[in-house]
Amino acid sequence: MFENWKLLVVGAGVMGSGIAQLYACKGFQVALYDKFPEQLDRAKQLIANNMENLIKEGLATQEEAERTKTLISYETELEKCAPQADLVLESVFENADVKRETFAQLDKLCASDCILCSNTSASNIFEIAPVSHPERQIITHYFNPPFIMDLVEVVMGPKTSDETLDKVKSFLIQVGKEPAVLKQYIPGFIVNRIATAITREAGYMVTQGWVSAQDIDSAIRNTSGIRYAFEGPMALYDIVGWDLTTSVSVGVHKSLCNDTEIGNSLGKELVAKGELGLKSGKGVFDYAGVDPQQFMNERAAKIIKMVKAIKEL
């Protein structure tokens, strides 16, 4: 059904280049657009490095790497590649004006039956970037690295058609992804919404002096980190029993952080000190002397090992 589809990825950052790589690996012709040539040069090198890592991990062959290289074209003129696209995957900077301008261009240049996807992790694209065919506009939120992580959150807009949703879901499933559907836009979608609740409570416990950041990570890694590979929180509560969990939660809920102004109090303290994490050399943990690219490569290797192990369950 989708074999002849031509894809256009708009924005050649880490996520955009990863998405382009994903679909080229699956045999699709992909145009990767960015108005900055230097960004495309970086994307080309990043994709080559990613493919080398996949070969090392046994997840790709040299032949697949060569095919991937030939299936991606690097474009600086949207007018040349947008009209041919059957599916667009927008992955530009998370800024309302940039998103609005990008979709306005796509709306003019793309065919009326082209599906317009946004890889936004935060923006209500349906409000800030309206298009003339809103039934074909949808959010597809990938996770980094998109050529390894299986989940894609699929978010419908108020006028997204069921036909568009069905096509996008089928397309994602065909390439090995796991779509999780939200019937309407909500801030944070599924994963970031739950992650925000967890990290707010974790930060609160640290700032209260009840526990260290290391102990929080140790507690989660050695319980939920193991179980969540094969059962989510809903299934876990089914097993424990909703009568017990509901009874216990009454007391716990009263003691949870419910700050809606500051949000994550620990995060606010760290930002004020310039301790942003890996990119600044220090966050709750110390990254002095750590090469960020090597760190991320090692992290990706761990994710690959976990994905392999989970698939054997």
C-alpha atoms as a PDB file:
ATOM      1  CA  MET A   1       0.000   0.000   0.000  1.00  0.00           C
ATOM      2  CA  PHE A   2       2.819   2.391   0.852  1.00  0.00           C
ATOM      3  CA  GLU A   3       5.636   0.961  -1.255  1.00  0.00           C
ATOM      4  CA  ASN A   4       5.760   3.902  -3.669  1.00  0.00           C
ATOM      5  CA  TRP A   5       5.318   6.643  -1.113  1.00  0.00           C
ATOM      6  CA  LYS A   6       7.835   9.486  -1.241  1.00  0.00           C
ATOM      7  CA  LEU A   7       8.616  11.030   2.115  1.00  0.00           C
ATOM      8  CA  LEU A   8       9.740  14.526   3.023  1.00  0.00           C
ATOM      9  CA  VAL A   9      11.367  15.254   6.379  1.00  0.00           C
ATOM     10  CA  VAL A  10      11.512  18.968   7.200  1.00  0.00           C
ATOM     11  CA  GLY A  11      14.258  19.898   9.641  1.00  0.00           C
ATOM     12  CA  ALA A  12      17.626  18.116   9.673  1.00  0.00           C
ATOM     13  CA  GLY A  13      18.409  18.180  13.372  1.00  0.00           C
ATOM     14  CA  VAL A  14      18.995  15.078  15.482  1.00  0.00           C
ATOM     15  CA  MET A  15      15.370  13.941  15.314  1.00  0.00           C
ATOM     16  CA  GLY A  16      14.795  14.903  11.683  1.00  0.00           C
ATOM     17  CA  SER A  17      17.930  13.139  10.485  1.00  0.00           C
ATOM     18  CA  GLY A  18      17.064  10.094  12.593  1.00  0.00           C
ATOM     19  CA  ILE A  19      13.562   9.922  11.112  1.00  0.00           C
ATOM     20  CA  ALA A  20      14.974  10.240   7.593  1.00  0.00           C
ATOM     21  CA  GLN A  21      17.419   7.434   8.363  1.00  0.00           C
ATOM     22  CA  LEU A  22      14.635   5.247   9.754  1.00  0.00           C
ATOM     23  CA  TYR A  23      12.554   5.356   6.588  1.00  0.00           C
ATOM     24  CA  ALA A  24      15.464   5.152   4.174  1.00  0.00           C
ATOM     25  CA  CYS A  25      16.534   1.990   6.037  1.00  0.00           C
ATOM     26  CA  LYS A  26      13.062   0.626   5.335  1.00  0.00           C
ATOM     27  CA  GLY A  27      13.468   1.258   1.611  1.00  0.00           C
ATOM     28  CA  PHE A  28      11.598   4.554   1.190  1.00  0.00           C
ATOM     29  CA  GLN A  29      12.833   7.492  -0.837  1.00  0.00           C
ATOM     30  CA  VAL A  30      13.323  10.366   1.587  1.00  0.00           C
ATOM     31  CA  ALA A  31      14.000  14.029   0.917  1.00  0.00           C
ATOM     32  CA  LEU A  32      15.600  15.650   3.973  1.00  0.00           C
ATOM     33  CA  TYR A  33      15.100  19.412   3.850  1.00  0.00           C
ATOM     34  CA  ASP A  34      16.767  22.178   5.816  1.00  0.00           C
ATOM     35  CA  LYS A  35      17.337  25.744   4.735  1.00  0.00           C
ATOM     36  CA  PHE A  36      20.809  25.686   6.287  1.00  0.00           C
ATOM     37  CA  PRO A  37      23.320  23.699   4.155  1.00  0.00           C
ATOM     38  CA  GLU A  38      25.657  23.251   7.114  1.00  0.00           C
ATOM     39  CA  GLN A  39      22.852  21.517   9.020  1.00  0.00           C
ATOM     40  CA  LEU A  40      22.431  19.074   6.153  1.00  0.00           C
ATOM     41  CA  ASP A  41      26.165  18.372   6.203  1.00  0.00           C
ATOM     42  CA  ARG A  42      25.958  17.555   9.904  1.00  0.00           C
ATOM     43  CA  ALA A  43      22.901  15.371   9.292  1.00  0.00           C
ATOM     44  CA  LYS A  44      24.706  13.410   6.584  1.00  0.00           C
ATOM     45  CA  GLN A  45      27.619  12.700   8.926  1.00  0.00           C
ATOM     46  CA  LEU A  46      25.297  11.838  11.809  1.00  0.00           C
ATOM     47  CA  ILE A  47      23.358   9.347   9.686  1.00  0.00           C
ATOM     48  CA  ALA A  48      26.612   7.731   8.534  1.00  0.00           C
ATOM     49  CA  ASN A  49      27.771   7.394  12.158  1.00  0.00           C
ATOM     50  CA  ASN A  50      24.402   5.984  13.208  1.00  0.00           C
ATOM     51  CA  MET A  51      24.523   3.370  10.469  1.00  0.00           C
ATOM     52  CA  GLU A  52      28.044   2.354  11.530  1.00  0.00           C
ATOM     53  CA  ASN A  53      26.764   1.799  15.068  1.00  0.00           C
ATOM     54  CA  LEU A  54      23.822  -0.253  13.803  1.00  0.00           C
ATOM     55  CA  ILE A  55      26.212  -2.424  11.782  1.00  0.00           C
ATOM     56  CA  LYS A  56      28.366  -2.959  14.890  1.00  0.00           C
ATOM     57  CA  GLU A  57      25.287  -4.011  16.846  1.00  0.00           C
ATOM     58  CA  GLY A  58      24.157  -6.414  14.124  1.00  0.00           C
ATOM     59  CA  LEU A  59      21.023  -4.397  13.363  1.00  0.00           C
ATOM     60  CA  ALA A  60      22.045  -3.430   9.827  1.00  0.00           C
ATOM     61  CA  THR A  61      24.321  -4.712   7.088  1.00  0.00           C
ATOM     62  CA  GLN A  62      26.826  -2.810   5.001  1.00  0.00           C
ATOM     63  CA  GLU A  63      24.498  -3.233   2.024  1.00  0.00           C
ATOM     64  CA  GLU A  64      21.619  -1.672   3.965  1.00  0.00           C
ATOM     65  CA  ALA A  65      23.860   1.217   4.955  1.00  0.00           C
ATOM     66  CA  GLU A  66      24.743   1.825   1.307  1.00  0.00           C
ATOM     67  CA  ARG A  67      21.097   1.622   0.265  1.00  0.00           C
ATOM     68  CA  THR A  68      20.134   4.056   3.016  1.00  0.00           C
ATOM     69  CA  LYS A  69      22.729   6.509   1.732  1.00  0.00           C
ATOM     70  CA  THR A  70      21.333   6.375  -1.812  1.00  0.00           C
ATOM     71  CA  LEU A  71      17.692   6.781  -0.733  1.00  0.00           C
ATOM     72  CA  ILE A  72      18.176  10.075   1.116  1.00  0.00           C
ATOM     73  CA  SER A  73      18.461  13.306  -0.834  1.00  0.00           C
ATOM     74  CA  TYR A  74      19.536  16.488   0.945  1.00  0.00           C
ATOM     75  CA  GLU A  75      17.510  19.524  -0.077  1.00  0.00           C
ATOM     76  CA  THR A  76      17.722  23.259   0.571  1.00  0.00           C
ATOM     77  CA  GLU A  77      14.794  24.262  -1.672  1.00  0.00           C
ATOM     78  CA  LEU A  78      11.401  23.208  -0.342  1.00  0.00           C
ATOM     79  CA  GLU A  79       9.763  24.121  -3.639  1.00  0.00           C
ATOM     80  CA  LYS A  80      11.577  21.265  -5.365  1.00  0.00           C
ATOM     81  CA  CYS A  81      10.759  18.424  -2.975  1.00  0.00           C
ATOM     82  CA  ALA A  82       7.423  19.268  -1.316  1.00  0.00           C
ATOM     83  CA  PRO A  83       5.117  18.834  -4.357  1.00  0.00           C
ATOM     84  CA  GLN A  84       6.225  15.188  -4.826  1.00  0.00           C
ATOM     85  CA  ALA A  85       5.695  14.145  -1.203  1.00  0.00           C
ATOM     86  CA  ASP A  86       3.004  11.674  -0.160  1.00  0.00           C
ATOM     87  CA  LEU A  87       3.855  12.084   3.522  1.00  0.00           C
ATOM     88  CA  VAL A  88       5.583  14.989   5.263  1.00  0.00           C
ATOM     89  CA  LEU A  89       7.263  14.649   8.643  1.00  0.00           C
ATOM     90  CA  GLU A  90       7.909  18.094  10.113  1.00  0.00           C
ATOM     91  CA  SER A  91      10.662  18.172  12.742  1.00  0.00           C
ATOM     92  CA  VAL A  92      11.726  21.801  13.036  1.00  0.00           C
ATOM     93  CA  PHE A  93      12.589  23.794  16.161  1.00  0.00           C
ATOM     94  CA  GLU A  94       9.914  23.877  18.896  1.00  0.00           C
ATOM     95  CA  ASN A  95       8.866  27.463  18.274  1.00  0.00           C
ATOM     96  CA  ALA A  96       5.318  28.503  17.381  1.00  0.00           C
ATOM     97  CA  ASP A  97       6.376  31.022  14.722  1.00  0.00           C
ATOM     98  CA  VAL A  98       8.755  28.554  13.077  1.00  0.00           C
ATOM     99  CA  LYS A  99       6.103  25.818  13.080  1.00  0.00           C
ATOM    100  CA  ARG A 100       3.471  28.206  11.692  1.00  0.00           C
ATOM    101  CA  GLU A 101       5.723  29.385   8.879  1.00  0.00           C
ATOM    102  CA  THR A 102       6.759  25.828   8.011  1.00  0.00           C
ATOM    103  CA  PHE A 103       3.206  24.540   7.727  1.00  0.00           C
ATOM    104  CA  ALA A 104       2.131  27.608   5.769  1.00  0.00           C
ATOM    105  CA  GLN A 105       4.811  26.760   3.192  1.00  0.00           C
ATOM    106  CA  LEU A 106       3.881  23.090   3.140  1.00  0.00           C
ATOM    107  CA  ASP A 107       0.212  23.978   2.748  1.00  0.00           C
ATOM    108  CA  LYS A 108       1.021  25.935  -0.419  1.00  0.00           C
ATOM    109  CA  LEU A 109       3.484  23.466  -1.908  1.00  0.00           C
ATOM    110  CA  CYS A 110       2.166  19.998  -1.072  1.00  0.00           C
ATOM    111  CA  ALA A 111      -0.578  18.115  -2.901  1.00  0.00           C
ATOM    112  CA  SER A 112      -4.016  18.266  -1.319  1.00  0.00           C
ATOM    113  CA  ASP A 113      -3.880  14.545  -0.514  1.00  0.00           C
ATOM    114  CA  CYS A 114      -0.450  14.704   1.149  1.00  0.00           C
ATOM    115  CA  ILE A 115      -0.516  13.764   4.839  1.00  0.00           C
ATOM    116  CA  LEU A 116       1.125  16.426   7.009  1.00  0.00           C
ATOM    117  CA  CYS A 117       2.687  15.069  10.216  1.00  0.00           C
ATOM    118  CA  SER A 118       4.376  17.010  12.988  1.00  0.00           C
ATOM    119  CA  ASN A 119       7.017  15.485  15.239  1.00  0.00           C
ATOM    120  CA  THR A 120       6.307  18.068  17.924  1.00  0.00           C
ATOM    121  CA  SER A 121       6.696  17.018  21.546  1.00  0.00           C
ATOM    122  CA  ALA A 122       4.859  20.011  22.960  1.00  0.00           C
ATOM    123  CA  SER A 123       3.097  22.247  20.432  1.00  0.00           C
ATOM    124  CA  ASN A 124      -0.625  22.186  19.703  1.00  0.00           C
ATOM    125  CA  ILE A 125       0.087  22.216  16.004  1.00  0.00           C
ATOM    126  CA  PHE A 126      -3.603  22.246  15.147  1.00  0.00           C
ATOM    127  CA  GLU A 127      -4.023  25.684  16.751  1.00  0.00           C
ATOM    128  CA  ILE A 128      -0.739  27.363  15.925  1.00  0.00           C
ATOM    129  CA  ALA A 129      -0.262  26.042  12.381  1.00  0.00           C
ATOM    130  CA  PRO A 130      -3.643  25.526  10.652  1.00  0.00           C
ATOM    131  CA  VAL A 131      -3.715  24.151   7.095  1.00  0.00           C
ATOM    132  CA  SER A 132      -6.327  24.187   4.339  1.00  0.00           C
ATOM    133  CA  HIS A 133      -6.827  20.410   4.591  1.00  0.00           C
ATOM    134  CA  PRO A 134      -6.954  19.850   8.366  1.00  0.00           C
ATOM    135  CA  GLU A 135      -8.317  16.352   7.879  1.00  0.00           C
ATOM    136  CA  ARG A 136      -4.811  15.350   6.714  1.00  0.00           C
ATOM    137  CA  GLN A 137      -2.890  16.990   9.575  1.00  0.00           C
ATOM    138  CA  ILE A 138      -1.735  14.828  12.490  1.00  0.00           C
ATOM    139  CA  ILE A 139       1.004  14.621  15.122  1.00  0.00           C
ATOM    140  CA  THR A 140       3.474  11.725  15.050  1.00  0.00           C
ATOM    141  CA  HIS A 141       5.826  12.099  18.010  1.00  0.00           C
ATOM    142  CA  TYR A 142       8.948   9.931  17.746  1.00  0.00           C
ATOM    143  CA  PHE A 143      11.458   9.192  20.492  1.00  0.00           C
ATOM    144  CA  ASN A 144      15.220   9.521  20.315  1.00  0.00           C
ATOM    145  CA  PRO A 145      16.823   7.672  18.622  1.00  0.00           C
ATOM    146  CA  PRO A 146      13.824   7.221  16.277  1.00  0.00           C
ATOM    147  CA  PHE A 147      15.481   4.425  14.279  1.00  0.00           C
ATOM    148  CA  ILE A 148      15.670   2.315  17.480  1.00  0.00           C
ATOM    149  CA  MET A 149      12.803   3.371  19.738  1.00  0.00           C
ATOM    150  CA  ASP A 150       9.600   1.667  18.632  1.00  0.00           C
ATOM    151  CA  LEU A 151       6.974   3.966  20.129  1.00  0.00           C
ATOM    152  CA  VAL A 152       5.338   6.750  18.136  1.00  0.00           C
ATOM    153  CA  GLU A 153       2.628   8.817  19.824  1.00  0.00           C
ATOM    154  CA  VAL A 154      -0.072   9.623  17.263  1.00  0.00           C
ATOM    155  CA  VAL A 155      -2.269  12.608  18.137  1.00  0.00           C
ATOM    156  CA  MET A 156      -5.441  13.520  16.290  1.00  0.00           C
ATOM    157  CA  GLY A 157      -6.543  17.107  15.785  1.00  0.00           C
ATOM    158  CA  PRO A 158     -10.172  18.244  15.998  1.00  0.00           C
ATOM    159  CA  LYS A 159     -10.567  17.750  12.230  1.00  0.00           C
ATOM    160  CA  THR A 160      -8.135  14.889  11.577  1.00  0.00           C
ATOM    161  CA  SER A 161     -10.010  12.228   9.623  1.00  0.00           C
ATOM    162  CA  ASP A 162     -10.262   8.587  10.642  1.00  0.00           C
ATOM    163  CA  GLU A 163      -8.874   7.751   7.204  1.00  0.00           C
ATOM    164  CA  THR A 164      -5.709   9.740   7.919  1.00  0.00           C
ATOM    165  CA  LEU A 165      -5.348   8.110  11.319  1.00  0.00           C
ATOM    166  CA  ASP A 166      -5.784   4.623   9.833  1.00  0.00           C
ATOM    167  CA  LYS A 167      -3.233   5.286   7.097  1.00  0.00           C
ATOM    168  CA  VAL A 168      -0.647   6.663   9.511  1.00  0.00           C
ATOM    169  CA  LYS A 169      -1.146   3.802  11.960  1.00  0.00           C
ATOM    170  CA  SER A 170      -0.869   1.191   9.205  1.00  0.00           C
ATOM    171  CA  PHE A 171       2.221   2.885   7.812  1.00  0.00           C
ATOM    172  CA  LEU A 172       3.928   2.952  11.203  1.00  0.00           C
ATOM    173  CA  ILE A 173       3.060  -0.674  11.914  1.00  0.00           C
ATOM    174  CA  GLN A 174       4.417  -1.691   8.498  1.00  0.00           C
ATOM    175  CA  VAL A 175       7.829  -0.229   9.364  1.00  0.00           C
ATOM    176  CA  GLY A 176       7.873  -1.887  12.784  1.00  0.00           C
ATOM    177  CA  LYS A 177       6.686   0.963  14.977  1.00  0.00           C
ATOM    178  CA  GLU A 178       4.210   0.800  17.877  1.00  0.00           C
ATOM    179  CA  PRO A 179       1.666   3.627  17.529  1.00  0.00           C
ATOM    180  CA  ALA A 180      -0.083   4.871  20.678  1.00  0.00           C
ATOM    181  CA  VAL A 181      -3.110   6.985  19.763  1.00  0.00           C
ATOM    182  CA  LEU A 182      -4.437  10.063  21.531  1.00  0.00           C
ATOM    183  CA  LYS A 183      -7.856  11.110  20.283  1.00  0.00           C
ATOM    184  CA  GLN A 184      -7.140  14.776  20.970  1.00  0.00           C
ATOM    185  CA  TYR A 185      -4.237  17.071  21.809  1.00  0.00           C
ATOM    186  CA  ILE A 186      -3.298  17.228  25.486  1.00  0.00           C
ATOM    187  CA  PRO A 187      -0.087  18.845  26.796  1.00  0.00           C
ATOM    188  CA  GLY A 188       2.688  16.277  27.147  1.00  0.00           C
ATOM    189  CA  PHE A 189       0.813  13.499  25.327  1.00  0.00           C
ATOM    190  CA  ILE A 190       1.281  10.158  27.153  1.00  0.00           C
ATOM    191  CA  VAL A 191       4.974   9.671  27.856  1.00  0.00           C
ATOM    192  CA  ASN A 192       6.019  13.222  28.754  1.00  0.00           C
ATOM    193  CA  ARG A 193       2.873  13.748  30.801  1.00  0.00           C
ATOM    194  CA  ILE A 194       3.636  10.719  32.968  1.00  0.00           C
ATOM    195  CA  ALA A 195       7.389  11.461  33.011  1.00  0.00           C
ATOM    196  CA  THR A 196       6.669  15.024  34.182  1.00  0.00           C
ATOM    197  CA  ALA A 197       4.579  13.738  37.075  1.00  0.00           C
ATOM    198  CA  ILE A 198       7.307  11.284  38.073  1.00  0.00           C
ATOM    199  CA  THR A 199      10.166  13.804  37.886  1.00  0.00           C
ATOM    200  CA  ARG A 200       8.202  16.471  39.737  1.00  0.00           C
ATOM    201  CA  GLU A 201       7.701  14.065  42.634  1.00  0.00           C
ATOM    202  CA  ALA A 202      11.305  12.864  42.423  1.00  0.00           C
ATOM    203  CA  GLY A 203      12.594  16.450  42.479  1.00  0.00           C
ATOM    204  CA  TYR A 204      10.301  17.259  45.390  1.00  0.00           C
ATOM    205  CA  MET A 205      11.637  14.337  47.441  1.00  0.00           C
ATOM    206  CA  VAL A 206      15.221  15.424  46.760  1.00  0.00           C
ATOM    207  CA  THR A 207      14.629  19.089  47.689  1.00  0.00           C
ATOM    208  CA  GLN A 208      12.865  17.987  50.884  1.00  0.00           C
ATOM    209  CA  GLY A 209      16.029  16.114  51.858  1.00  0.00           C
ATOM    210  CA  TRP A 210      14.212  12.799  52.068  1.00  0.00           C
ATOM    211  CA  VAL A 211      16.322  10.972  49.500  1.00  0.00           C
ATOM    212  CA  SER A 212      19.234  11.424  47.072  1.00  0.00           C
ATOM    213  CA  ALA A 213      18.940  11.597  43.304  1.00  0.00           C
ATOM    214  CA  GLN A 214      21.073   8.445  43.080  1.00  0.00           C
ATOM    215  CA  ASP A 215      18.720   6.505  45.347  1.00  0.00           C
ATOM    216  CA  ILE A 216      15.685   7.596  43.348  1.00  0.00           C
ATOM    217  CA  ASP A 217      17.255   6.365  40.116  1.00  0.00           C
ATOM    218  CA  SER A 218      18.337   3.137  41.799  1.00  0.00           C
ATOM    219  CA  ALA A 219      14.818   2.521  43.124  1.00  0.00           C
ATOM    220  CA  ILE A 220      13.183   3.054  39.727  1.00  0.00           C
ATOM    221  CA  ARG A 221      15.789   1.140  37.705  1.00  0.00           C
ATOM    222  CA  ASN A 222      15.478  -1.901  39.925  1.00  0.00           C
ATOM    223  CA  THR A 223      11.659  -2.068  40.032  1.00  0.00           C
ATOM    224  CA  SER A 224       9.669  -0.224  37.377  1.00  0.00           C
ATOM    225  CA  GLY A 225      12.632  -0.242  35.005  1.00  0.00           C
ATOM    226  CA  ILE A 226      12.490  -4.023  34.918  1.00  0.00           C
ATOM    227  CA  ARG A 227       8.723  -4.508  34.912  1.00  0.00           C
ATOM    228  CA  TYR A 228       7.847  -1.787  32.426  1.00  0.00           C
ATOM    229  CA  ALA A 229       9.645  -3.734  29.714  1.00  0.00           C
ATOM    230  CA  PHE A 230       6.733  -6.170  29.632  1.00  0.00           C
ATOM    231  CA  GLU A 231       3.859  -4.567  31.581  1.00  0.00           C
ATOM    232  CA  GLY A 232       2.796  -0.960  31.986  1.00  0.00           C
ATOM    233  CA  PRO A 233       1.366   0.667  35.135  1.00  0.00           C
ATOM    234  CA  MET A 234      -2.205  -0.252  34.219  1.00  0.00           C
ATOM    235  CA  ALA A 235      -1.357  -3.949  33.887  1.00  0.00           C
ATOM    236  CA  LEU A 236       0.694  -3.809  37.102  1.00  0.00           C
ATOM    237  CA  TYR A 237      -2.275  -2.473  39.062  1.00  0.00           C
ATOM    238  CA  ASP A 238      -4.471  -5.169  37.539  1.00  0.00           C
ATOM    239  CA  ILE A 239      -2.074  -7.740  38.975  1.00  0.00           C
ATOM    240  CA  VAL A 240      -1.699  -6.107  42.390  1.00  0.00           C
ATOM    241  CA  GLY A 241      -5.440  -5.427  42.561  1.00  0.00           C
ATOM    242  CA  TRP A 242      -7.232  -2.123  42.208  1.00  0.00           C
ATOM    243  CA  ASP A 243      -8.881  -2.545  45.622  1.00  0.00           C
ATOM    244  CA  LEU A 244      -5.479  -2.543  47.328  1.00  0.00           C
ATOM    245  CA  THR A 245      -3.843   0.123  45.160  1.00  0.00           C
ATOM    246  CA  THR A 246      -6.834   2.458  45.426  1.00  0.00           C
ATOM    247  CA  SER A 247      -6.896   2.115  49.195  1.00  0.00           C
ATOM    248  CA  VAL A 248      -3.169   2.764  49.550  1.00  0.00           C
ATOM    249  CA  SER A 249      -3.208   5.691  47.120  1.00  0.00           C
ATOM    250  CA  VAL A 250      -5.593   7.751  49.250  1.00  0.00           C
ATOM    251  CA  GLY A 251      -2.932   8.411  51.851  1.00  0.00           C
ATOM    252  CA  VAL A 252      -0.116   8.788  49.341  1.00  0.00           C
ATOM    253  CA  HIS A 253      -2.000  11.283  47.169  1.00  0.00           C
ATOM    254  CA  LYS A 254      -2.364  13.684  50.092  1.00  0.00           C
ATOM    255  CA  SER A 255       1.411  13.859  50.542  1.00  0.00           C
ATOM    256  CA  LEU A 256       2.381  14.235  46.876  1.00  0.00           C
ATOM    257  CA  CYS A 257       3.770  17.458  45.447  1.00  0.00           C
ATOM    258  CA  ASN A 258       0.964  19.368  43.723  1.00  0.00           C
ATOM    259  CA  ASP A 259       2.843  22.540  42.815  1.00  0.00           C
ATOM    260  CA  THR A 260       1.484  23.836  39.503  1.00  0.00           C
ATOM    261  CA  GLU A 261       3.487  27.073  39.492  1.00  0.00           C
ATOM    262  CA  ILE A 262       7.124  26.087  39.886  1.00  0.00           C
ATOM    263  CA  GLY A 263       6.507  22.512  38.757  1.00  0.00           C
ATOM    264  CA  ASN A 264       9.812  20.747  39.360  1.00  0.00           C
ATOM    265  CA  SER A 265      11.443  22.584  42.279  1.00  0.00           C
ATOM    266  CA  LEU A 266      14.738  20.719  41.858  1.00  0.00           C
ATOM    267  CA  GLY A 267      14.814  21.625  38.172  1.00  0.00           C
ATOM    268  CA  LYS A 268      14.350  25.304  38.976  1.00  0.00           C
ATOM    269  CA  GLU A 269      17.268  25.214  41.413  1.00  0.00           C
ATOM    270  CA  LEU A 270      19.543  23.471  38.921  1.00  0.00           C
ATOM    271  CA  VAL A 271      18.693  25.869  36.077  1.00  0.00           C
ATOM    272  CA  ALA A 272      19.384  28.856  38.321  1.00  0.00           C
ATOM    273  CA  LYS A 273      22.864  27.446  38.984  1.00  0.00           C
ATOM    274  CA  GLY A 274      23.467  26.665  35.303  1.00  0.00           C
ATOM    275  CA  GLU A 275      23.648  22.951  36.074  1.00  0.00           C
ATOM    276  CA  LEU A 276      21.616  21.748  33.089  1.00  0.00           C
ATOM    277  CA  GLY A 277      22.890  18.172  32.891  1.00  0.00           C
ATOM    278  CA  LEU A 278      25.138  16.499  30.346  1.00  0.00           C
ATOM    279  CA  LYS A 279      25.327  19.537  28.042  1.00  0.00           C
ATOM    280  CA  SER A 280      26.693  21.789  30.807  1.00  0.00           C
ATOM    281  CA  GLY A 281      28.893  19.166  32.455  1.00  0.00           C
ATOM    282  CA  LYS A 282      26.801  18.928  35.607  1.00  0.00           C
ATOM    283  CA  GLY A 283      23.193  18.317  36.616  1.00  0.00           C
ATOM    284  CA  VAL A 284      22.147  16.186  39.559  1.00  0.00           C
ATOM    285  CA  PHE A 285      25.142  14.081  38.518  1.00  0.00           C
ATOM    286  CA  ASP A 286      28.650  15.209  37.554  1.00  0.00           C
ATOM    287  CA  TYR A 287      29.744  14.837  33.899  1.00  0.00           C
ATOM    288  CA  ALA A 288      33.155  16.490  34.227  1.00  0.00           C
ATOM    289  CA  GLY A 289      35.536  15.051  31.649  1.00  0.00           C
ATOM    290  CA  VAL A 290      32.734  13.179  29.865  1.00  0.00           C
ATOM    291  CA  ASP A 291      32.581  13.435  26.075  1.00  0.00           C
ATOM    292  CA  PRO A 292      28.875  14.067  25.301  1.00  0.00           C
ATOM    293  CA  GLN A 293      28.933  12.296  21.920  1.00  0.00           C
ATOM    294  CA  GLN A 294      30.633   9.224  23.344  1.00  0.00           C
ATOM    295  CA  PHE A 295      28.183   9.233  26.247  1.00  0.00           C
ATOM    296  CA  MET A 296      25.239   9.333  23.852  1.00  0.00           C
ATOM    297  CA  ASN A 297      26.744   6.579  21.695  1.00  0.00           C
ATOM    298  CA  GLU A 298      27.114   4.366  24.769  1.00  0.00           C
ATOM    299  CA  ARG A 299      23.568   5.229  25.823  1.00  0.00           C
ATOM    300  CA  ALA A 300      22.262   4.260  22.373  1.00  0.00           C
ATOM    301  CA  ALA A 301      24.148   0.958  22.630  1.00  0.00           C
ATOM    302  CA  LYS A 302      22.402   0.259  25.950  1.00  0.00           C
ATOM    303  CA  ILE A 303      19.017   1.037  24.412  1.00  0.00           C
ATOM    304  CA  ILE A 304      19.768  -1.358  21.549  1.00  0.00           C
ATOM    305  CA  LYS A 305      20.669  -4.117  24.012  1.00  0.00           C
ATOM    306  CA  MET A 306      17.452  -3.516  25.940  1.00  0.00           C
ATOM    307  CA  VAL A 307      15.359  -3.570  22.761  1.00  0.00           C
ATOM    308  CA  LYS A 308      16.970  -6.862  21.738  1.00  0.00           C
ATOM    309  CA  ALA A 309      16.299  -8.380  25.156  1.00  0.00           C
ATOM    310  CA  ILE A 310      12.686  -7.182  25.234  1.00  0.00           C
ATOM    311  CA  LYS A 311      11.968  -8.658  21.813  1.00  0.00           C
ATOM    312  CA  GLU A 312      12.981 -12.081  23.215  1.00  0.00           C
ATOM    313  CA  LEU A 313      10.428 -11.940  26.038  1.00  0.00           C
END
